[in-house]
C-alpha atoms as a PDB file:
ATOM      1  CA  MET A   1       1.615  17.292  -5.764  1.00  0.00           C
ATOM      2  CA  SER A   2       5.164  16.876  -5.986  1.00  0.00           C
ATOM      3  CA  ALA A   3       6.998  13.959  -7.909  1.00  0.00           C
ATOM      4  CA  LYS A   4       8.005  12.470  -4.604  1.00  0.00           C
ATOM      5  CA  GLU A   5       4.692  12.343  -3.328  1.00  0.00           C
ATOM      6  CA  LEU A   6       3.382  11.054  -6.613  1.00  0.00           C
ATOM      7  CA  GLN A   7       6.067   8.264  -6.474  1.00  0.00           C
ATOM      8  CA  ASP A   8       5.066   7.487  -2.734  1.00  0.00           C
ATOM      9  CA  LEU A   9       1.283   7.202  -3.756  1.00  0.00           C
ATOM     10  CA  LEU A  10       2.087   4.851  -6.840  1.00  0.00           C
ATOM     11  CA  ASN A  11       4.217   2.552  -4.502  1.00  0.00           C
ATOM     12  CA  PHE A  12       1.401   2.634  -2.038  1.00  0.00           C
ATOM     13  CA  ILE A  13      -1.322   1.750  -4.464  1.00  0.00           C
ATOM     14  CA  ALA A  14       0.802  -1.025  -6.090  1.00  0.00           C
ATOM     15  CA  GLY A  15       1.389  -2.564  -2.886  1.00  0.00           C
ATOM     16  CA  SER A  16      -2.264  -2.333  -1.978  1.00  0.00           C
ATOM     17  CA  GLY A  17      -5.096  -4.533  -3.366  1.00  0.00           C
ATOM     18  CA  LEU A  18      -6.817  -1.660  -4.968  1.00  0.00           C
ATOM     19  CA  ASP A  19      -7.611  -1.929  -8.770  1.00  0.00           C
ATOM     20  CA  GLU A  20      -8.595   1.767  -9.434  1.00  0.00           C
ATOM     21  CA  VAL A  21      -7.831   5.258  -7.718  1.00  0.00           C
ATOM     22  CA  ASN A  22      -9.178   8.570  -8.606  1.00  0.00           C
ATOM     23  CA  ILE A  23      -7.554  11.684  -6.887  1.00  0.00           C
ATOM     24  CA  GLU A  24      -8.501  15.301  -7.683  1.00  0.00           C
ATOM     25  CA  GLY A  25      -6.883  18.341  -6.502  1.00  0.00           C
ATOM     26  CA  ASN A  26      -7.147  22.221  -7.281  1.00  0.00           C
ATOM     27  CA  ASP A  27      -4.843  21.882 -10.517  1.00  0.00           C
ATOM     28  CA  PHE A  28      -4.890  18.162 -11.398  1.00  0.00           C
ATOM     29  CA  LYS A  29      -6.709  15.101 -11.768  1.00  0.00           C
ATOM     30  CA  ILE A  30      -5.113  11.596 -11.376  1.00  0.00           C
ATOM     31  CA  SER A  31      -6.588   8.251 -12.248  1.00  0.00           C
ATOM     32  CA  VAL A  32      -4.638   4.873 -11.548  1.00  0.00           C
ATOM     33  CA  LYS A  33      -6.167   1.935 -13.076  1.00  0.00           C
ATOM     34  CA  ARG A  34      -4.426  -1.644 -12.565  1.00  0.00           C
ATOM     35  CA  HIS A  35      -5.119  -3.878 -15.828  1.00  0.00           C
ATOM     36  CA  SER A  36      -2.958  -6.669 -14.411  1.00  0.00           C
ATOM     37  CA  GLU A  37      -0.236  -7.200 -11.601  1.00  0.00           C
ATOM     38  CA  SER A  38       2.509  -5.957 -13.593  1.00  0.00           C
ATOM     39  CA  LYS A  39       0.724  -2.906 -15.540  1.00  0.00           C
ATOM     40  CA  GLN A  40      -0.610   0.345 -14.197  1.00  0.00           C
ATOM     41  CA  GLN A  41      -2.388   2.984 -16.590  1.00  0.00           C
ATOM     42  CA  ILE A  42      -1.751   6.717 -15.110  1.00  0.00           C
ATOM     43  CA  VAL A  43      -3.734   9.558 -16.628  1.00  0.00           C
ATOM     44  CA  ALA A  44      -3.384  13.168 -15.550  1.00  0.00           C
ATOM     45  CA  GLN A  45      -5.195  16.121 -16.686  1.00  0.00           C
ATOM     46  CA  PRO A  46      -4.957  19.663 -15.783  1.00  0.00           C
ATOM     47  CA  ILE A  47      -8.394  21.065 -14.648  1.00  0.00           C
ATOM     48  CA  VAL A  48      -7.504  24.652 -15.178  1.00  0.00           C
ATOM     49  CA  SER A  49      -5.724  25.514 -18.535  1.00  0.00           C
ATOM     50  CA  GLN A  50      -3.540  28.340 -17.320  1.00  0.00           C
ATOM     51  CA  VAL A  51      -1.888  27.524 -13.764  1.00  0.00           C
ATOM     52  CA  PRO A  52       1.198  29.264 -13.001  1.00  0.00           C
ATOM     53  CA  VAL A  53       2.992  26.431 -11.372  1.00  0.00           C
ATOM     54  CA  MET A  54       1.862  23.015 -12.262  1.00  0.00           C
ATOM     55  CA  PRO A  55       2.834  19.689 -10.627  1.00  0.00           C
ATOM     56  CA  ALA A  56       5.419  17.884 -12.978  1.00  0.00           C
ATOM     57  CA  ILE A  57       2.951  15.077 -13.873  1.00  0.00           C
ATOM     58  CA  VAL A  58       0.784  17.839 -15.667  1.00  0.00           C
ATOM     59  CA  GLN A  59       3.496  19.579 -17.236  1.00  0.00           C
ATOM     60  CA  GLN A  60       4.298  16.585 -19.789  1.00  0.00           C
ATOM     61  CA  GLN A  61       0.854  16.717 -21.121  1.00  0.00           C
ATOM     62  CA  VAL A  62       0.966  20.429 -21.778  1.00  0.00           C
ATOM     63  CA  ALA A  63       4.685  20.735 -22.810  1.00  0.00           C
ATOM     64  CA  PRO A  64       6.810  18.282 -25.015  1.00  0.00           C
ATOM     65  CA  ALA A  65       9.230  16.044 -23.061  1.00  0.00           C
ATOM     66  CA  GLN A  66      12.514  17.997 -22.020  1.00  0.00           C
ATOM     67  CA  PRO A  67      15.275  17.219 -19.739  1.00  0.00           C
ATOM     68  CA  ALA A  68      14.694  17.403 -15.889  1.00  0.00           C
ATOM     69  CA  PRO A  69      17.003  18.917 -13.408  1.00  0.00           C
ATOM     70  CA  MET A  70      19.764  16.689 -12.340  1.00  0.00           C
ATOM     71  CA  VAL A  71      18.939  13.788  -9.770  1.00  0.00           C
ATOM     72  CA  GLU A  72      21.651  12.368  -7.604  1.00  0.00           C
ATOM     73  CA  ALA A  73      21.781   8.711  -7.277  1.00  0.00           C
ATOM     74  CA  LYS A  74      21.767   7.066  -3.918  1.00  0.00           C
ATOM     75  CA  VAL A  75      25.122   5.342  -3.170  1.00  0.00           C
ATOM     76  CA  GLU A  76      25.281   2.397  -0.746  1.00  0.00           C
ATOM     77  CA  LYS A  77      28.016   2.307   1.709  1.00  0.00           C
ATOM     78  CA  PRO A  78      31.317   0.755   0.652  1.00  0.00           C
ATOM     79  CA  VAL A  79      31.741  -3.081   0.694  1.00  0.00           C
ATOM     80  CA  GLU A  80      35.363  -3.976   1.434  1.00  0.00           C
ATOM     81  CA  SER A  81      36.973  -7.027  -0.092  1.00  0.00           C
ATOM     82  CA  ASN A  82      40.416  -8.286  -0.996  1.00  0.00           C
ATOM     83  CA  ALA A  83      39.921  -6.444  -4.655  1.00  0.00           C
ATOM     84  CA  GLY A  84      39.261  -3.079  -2.987  1.00  0.00           C
ATOM     85  CA  LYS A  85      36.110  -0.877  -2.069  1.00  0.00           C
ATOM     86  CA  TYR A  86      33.145  -1.497  -4.308  1.00  0.00           C
ATOM     87  CA  VAL A  87      30.196   0.821  -4.044  1.00  0.00           C
ATOM     88  CA  THR A  88      26.934   0.512  -5.738  1.00  0.00           C
ATOM     89  CA  ILE A  89      25.048   3.523  -7.401  1.00  0.00           C
ATOM     90  CA  LYS A  90      21.258   3.018  -7.011  1.00  0.00           C
ATOM     91  CA  SER A  91      18.376   4.308  -8.971  1.00  0.00           C
ATOM     92  CA  PRO A  92      16.776   7.179  -7.155  1.00  0.00           C
ATOM     93  CA  MET A  93      13.262   6.688  -8.760  1.00  0.00           C
ATOM     94  CA  ILE A  94      10.993   4.219 -10.747  1.00  0.00           C
ATOM     95  CA  GLY A  95      11.393   4.539 -14.539  1.00  0.00           C
ATOM     96  CA  THR A  96      13.374   3.463 -17.759  1.00  0.00           C
ATOM     97  CA  PHE A  97      16.928   3.253 -17.726  1.00  0.00           C
ATOM     98  CA  TYR A  98      18.996   4.732 -20.621  1.00  0.00           C
ATOM     99  CA  ARG A  99      22.765   4.555 -20.915  1.00  0.00           C
ATOM    100  CA  SER A 100      23.064   7.574 -23.335  1.00  0.00           C
ATOM    101  CA  SER A 101      21.354  10.754 -24.149  1.00  0.00           C
ATOM    102  CA  SER A 102      19.901   9.624 -27.447  1.00  0.00           C
ATOM    103  CA  PRO A 103      20.021   6.424 -29.453  1.00  0.00           C
ATOM    104  CA  ASP A 104      22.654   7.636 -31.736  1.00  0.00           C
ATOM    105  CA  LYS A 105      25.115   8.841 -28.874  1.00  0.00           C
ATOM    106  CA  PRO A 106      27.702   6.843 -27.167  1.00  0.00           C
ATOM    107  CA  SER A 107      27.013   5.844 -23.514  1.00  0.00           C
ATOM    108  CA  LEU A 108      27.530   8.331 -20.831  1.00  0.00           C
ATOM    109  CA  VAL A 109      29.643   5.737 -18.814  1.00  0.00           C
ATOM    110  CA  SER A 110      31.161   2.556 -19.510  1.00  0.00           C
ATOM    111  CA  ILE A 111      33.042  -0.426 -17.782  1.00  0.00           C
ATOM    112  CA  GLY A 112      36.594   1.298 -16.845  1.00  0.00           C
ATOM    113  CA  ASP A 113      35.607   4.701 -16.929  1.00  0.00           C
ATOM    114  CA  GLU A 114      36.494   7.118 -14.255  1.00  0.00           C
ATOM    115  CA  VAL A 115      33.619   9.056 -12.552  1.00  0.00           C
ATOM    116  CA  ASN A 116      33.881  11.960 -10.303  1.00  0.00           C
ATOM    117  CA  SER A 117      30.941  13.296  -7.804  1.00  0.00           C
ATOM    118  CA  GLY A 118      28.386  15.013 -10.005  1.00  0.00           C
ATOM    119  CA  LYS A 119      29.253  13.268 -13.456  1.00  0.00           C
ATOM    120  CA  VAL A 120      26.035  12.179 -15.124  1.00  0.00           C
ATOM    121  CA  VAL A 121      26.124   8.424 -15.317  1.00  0.00           C
ATOM    122  CA  CYS A 122      22.789   7.412 -16.901  1.00  0.00           C
ATOM    123  CA  ILE A 123      19.361   8.763 -17.758  1.00  0.00           C
ATOM    124  CA  ILE A 124      15.904   7.608 -16.245  1.00  0.00           C
ATOM    125  CA  GLU A 125      12.789   8.469 -17.892  1.00  0.00           C
ATOM    126  CA  ALA A 126       9.893   8.714 -15.714  1.00  0.00           C
ATOM    127  CA  MET A 127       6.461   9.760 -17.227  1.00  0.00           C
ATOM    128  CA  LYS A 128       8.077  11.410 -20.257  1.00  0.00           C
ATOM    129  CA  LEU A 129      10.411  13.393 -18.069  1.00  0.00           C
ATOM    130  CA  PHE A 130      14.116  12.621 -18.566  1.00  0.00           C
ATOM    131  CA  ASN A 131      16.071  12.768 -15.196  1.00  0.00           C
ATOM    132  CA  GLU A 132      19.823  12.736 -15.614  1.00  0.00           C
ATOM    133  CA  ILE A 133      21.386  10.816 -12.859  1.00  0.00           C
ATOM    134  CA  GLU A 134      24.697  12.002 -11.258  1.00  0.00           C
ATOM    135  CA  SER A 135      27.224   9.834  -9.393  1.00  0.00           C
ATOM    136  CA  GLU A 136      27.944  10.915  -5.694  1.00  0.00           C
ATOM    137  CA  ILE A 137      31.305   9.338  -5.655  1.00  0.00           C
ATOM    138  CA  ALA A 138      34.468   9.172  -7.321  1.00  0.00           C
ATOM    139  CA  GLY A 139      35.825   5.884  -8.802  1.00  0.00           C
ATOM    140  CA  LYS A 140      35.926   3.574 -11.724  1.00  0.00           C
ATOM    141  CA  ILE A 141      32.956   1.785 -13.101  1.00  0.00           C
ATOM    142  CA  VAL A 142      33.460  -2.025 -12.660  1.00  0.00           C
ATOM    143  CA  LYS A 143      30.063  -3.216 -13.714  1.00  0.00           C
ATOM    144  CA  VAL A 144      26.845  -2.209 -15.406  1.00  0.00           C
ATOM    145  CA  LEU A 145      24.096  -4.080 -13.781  1.00  0.00           C
ATOM    146  CA  VAL A 146      21.290  -2.726 -16.056  1.00  0.00           C
ATOM    147  CA  GLU A 147      20.516  -3.241 -19.733  1.00  0.00           C
ATOM    148  CA  ASN A 148      19.747  -0.223 -21.838  1.00  0.00           C
ATOM    149  CA  ALA A 149      16.102   0.700 -22.208  1.00  0.00           C
ATOM    150  CA  SER A 150      14.944  -1.546 -19.235  1.00  0.00           C
ATOM    151  CA  PRO A 151      12.624  -0.557 -16.487  1.00  0.00           C
ATOM    152  CA  VAL A 152      14.058   0.205 -13.111  1.00  0.00           C
ATOM    153  CA  GLU A 153      12.671  -0.041  -9.781  1.00  0.00           C
ATOM    154  CA  TYR A 154      13.443   2.568  -6.904  1.00  0.00           C
ATOM    155  CA  ASP A 155      16.449   1.862  -5.008  1.00  0.00           C
ATOM    156  CA  GLN A 156      17.589  -0.846  -7.824  1.00  0.00           C
ATOM    157  CA  ASP A 157      21.503  -1.264  -8.197  1.00  0.00           C
ATOM    158  CA  LEU A 158      22.617   0.255 -11.501  1.00  0.00           C
ATOM    159  CA  PHE A 159      26.310   0.275 -11.600  1.00  0.00           C
ATOM    160  CA  VAL A 160      29.107  -1.157  -9.442  1.00  0.00           C
ATOM    161  CA  VAL A 161      31.997   1.375  -8.766  1.00  0.00           C
ATOM    162  CA  GLU A 162      35.590   0.863  -7.441  1.00  0.00           C
ATOM    163  CA  VAL A 163      36.067   3.696  -4.972  1.00  0.00           C
ATOM    164  CA  ALA A 164      39.135   5.999  -5.807  1.00  0.00           C
END
């Protein structure tokens, strides 16, 4: 099961009235239990101990947390105003938003910083997997819309960028 399929499944379960869902595949077993409206518990266990290619959700239980491949953030179409063109960089996934790669390092971007396409602007942790989020546009960071270490939703605005 791919990370996208898992995310879609979790979104579907969150929107449904189900309190518990169990899914079993050849290489994995997923159990989702709702304890309240805002919390969900997700448990994944590998069924076979040595599987050549395991889904991402099973990998973090087998291996320690490590950086994931780069993920490009969604970009909303420019909004024109008297002050110029502004674009929002949106979250491509559900997770926890981090402004730096570790607590002792400076923020990846701050207000006033210039960003180019492909520059890492933040990190979103999803199920112990740290995803570097890249900008798809070039411009200047005007506003940071999310606090460090805050949960973010899919398609949530993260940054406002003035297009160069």
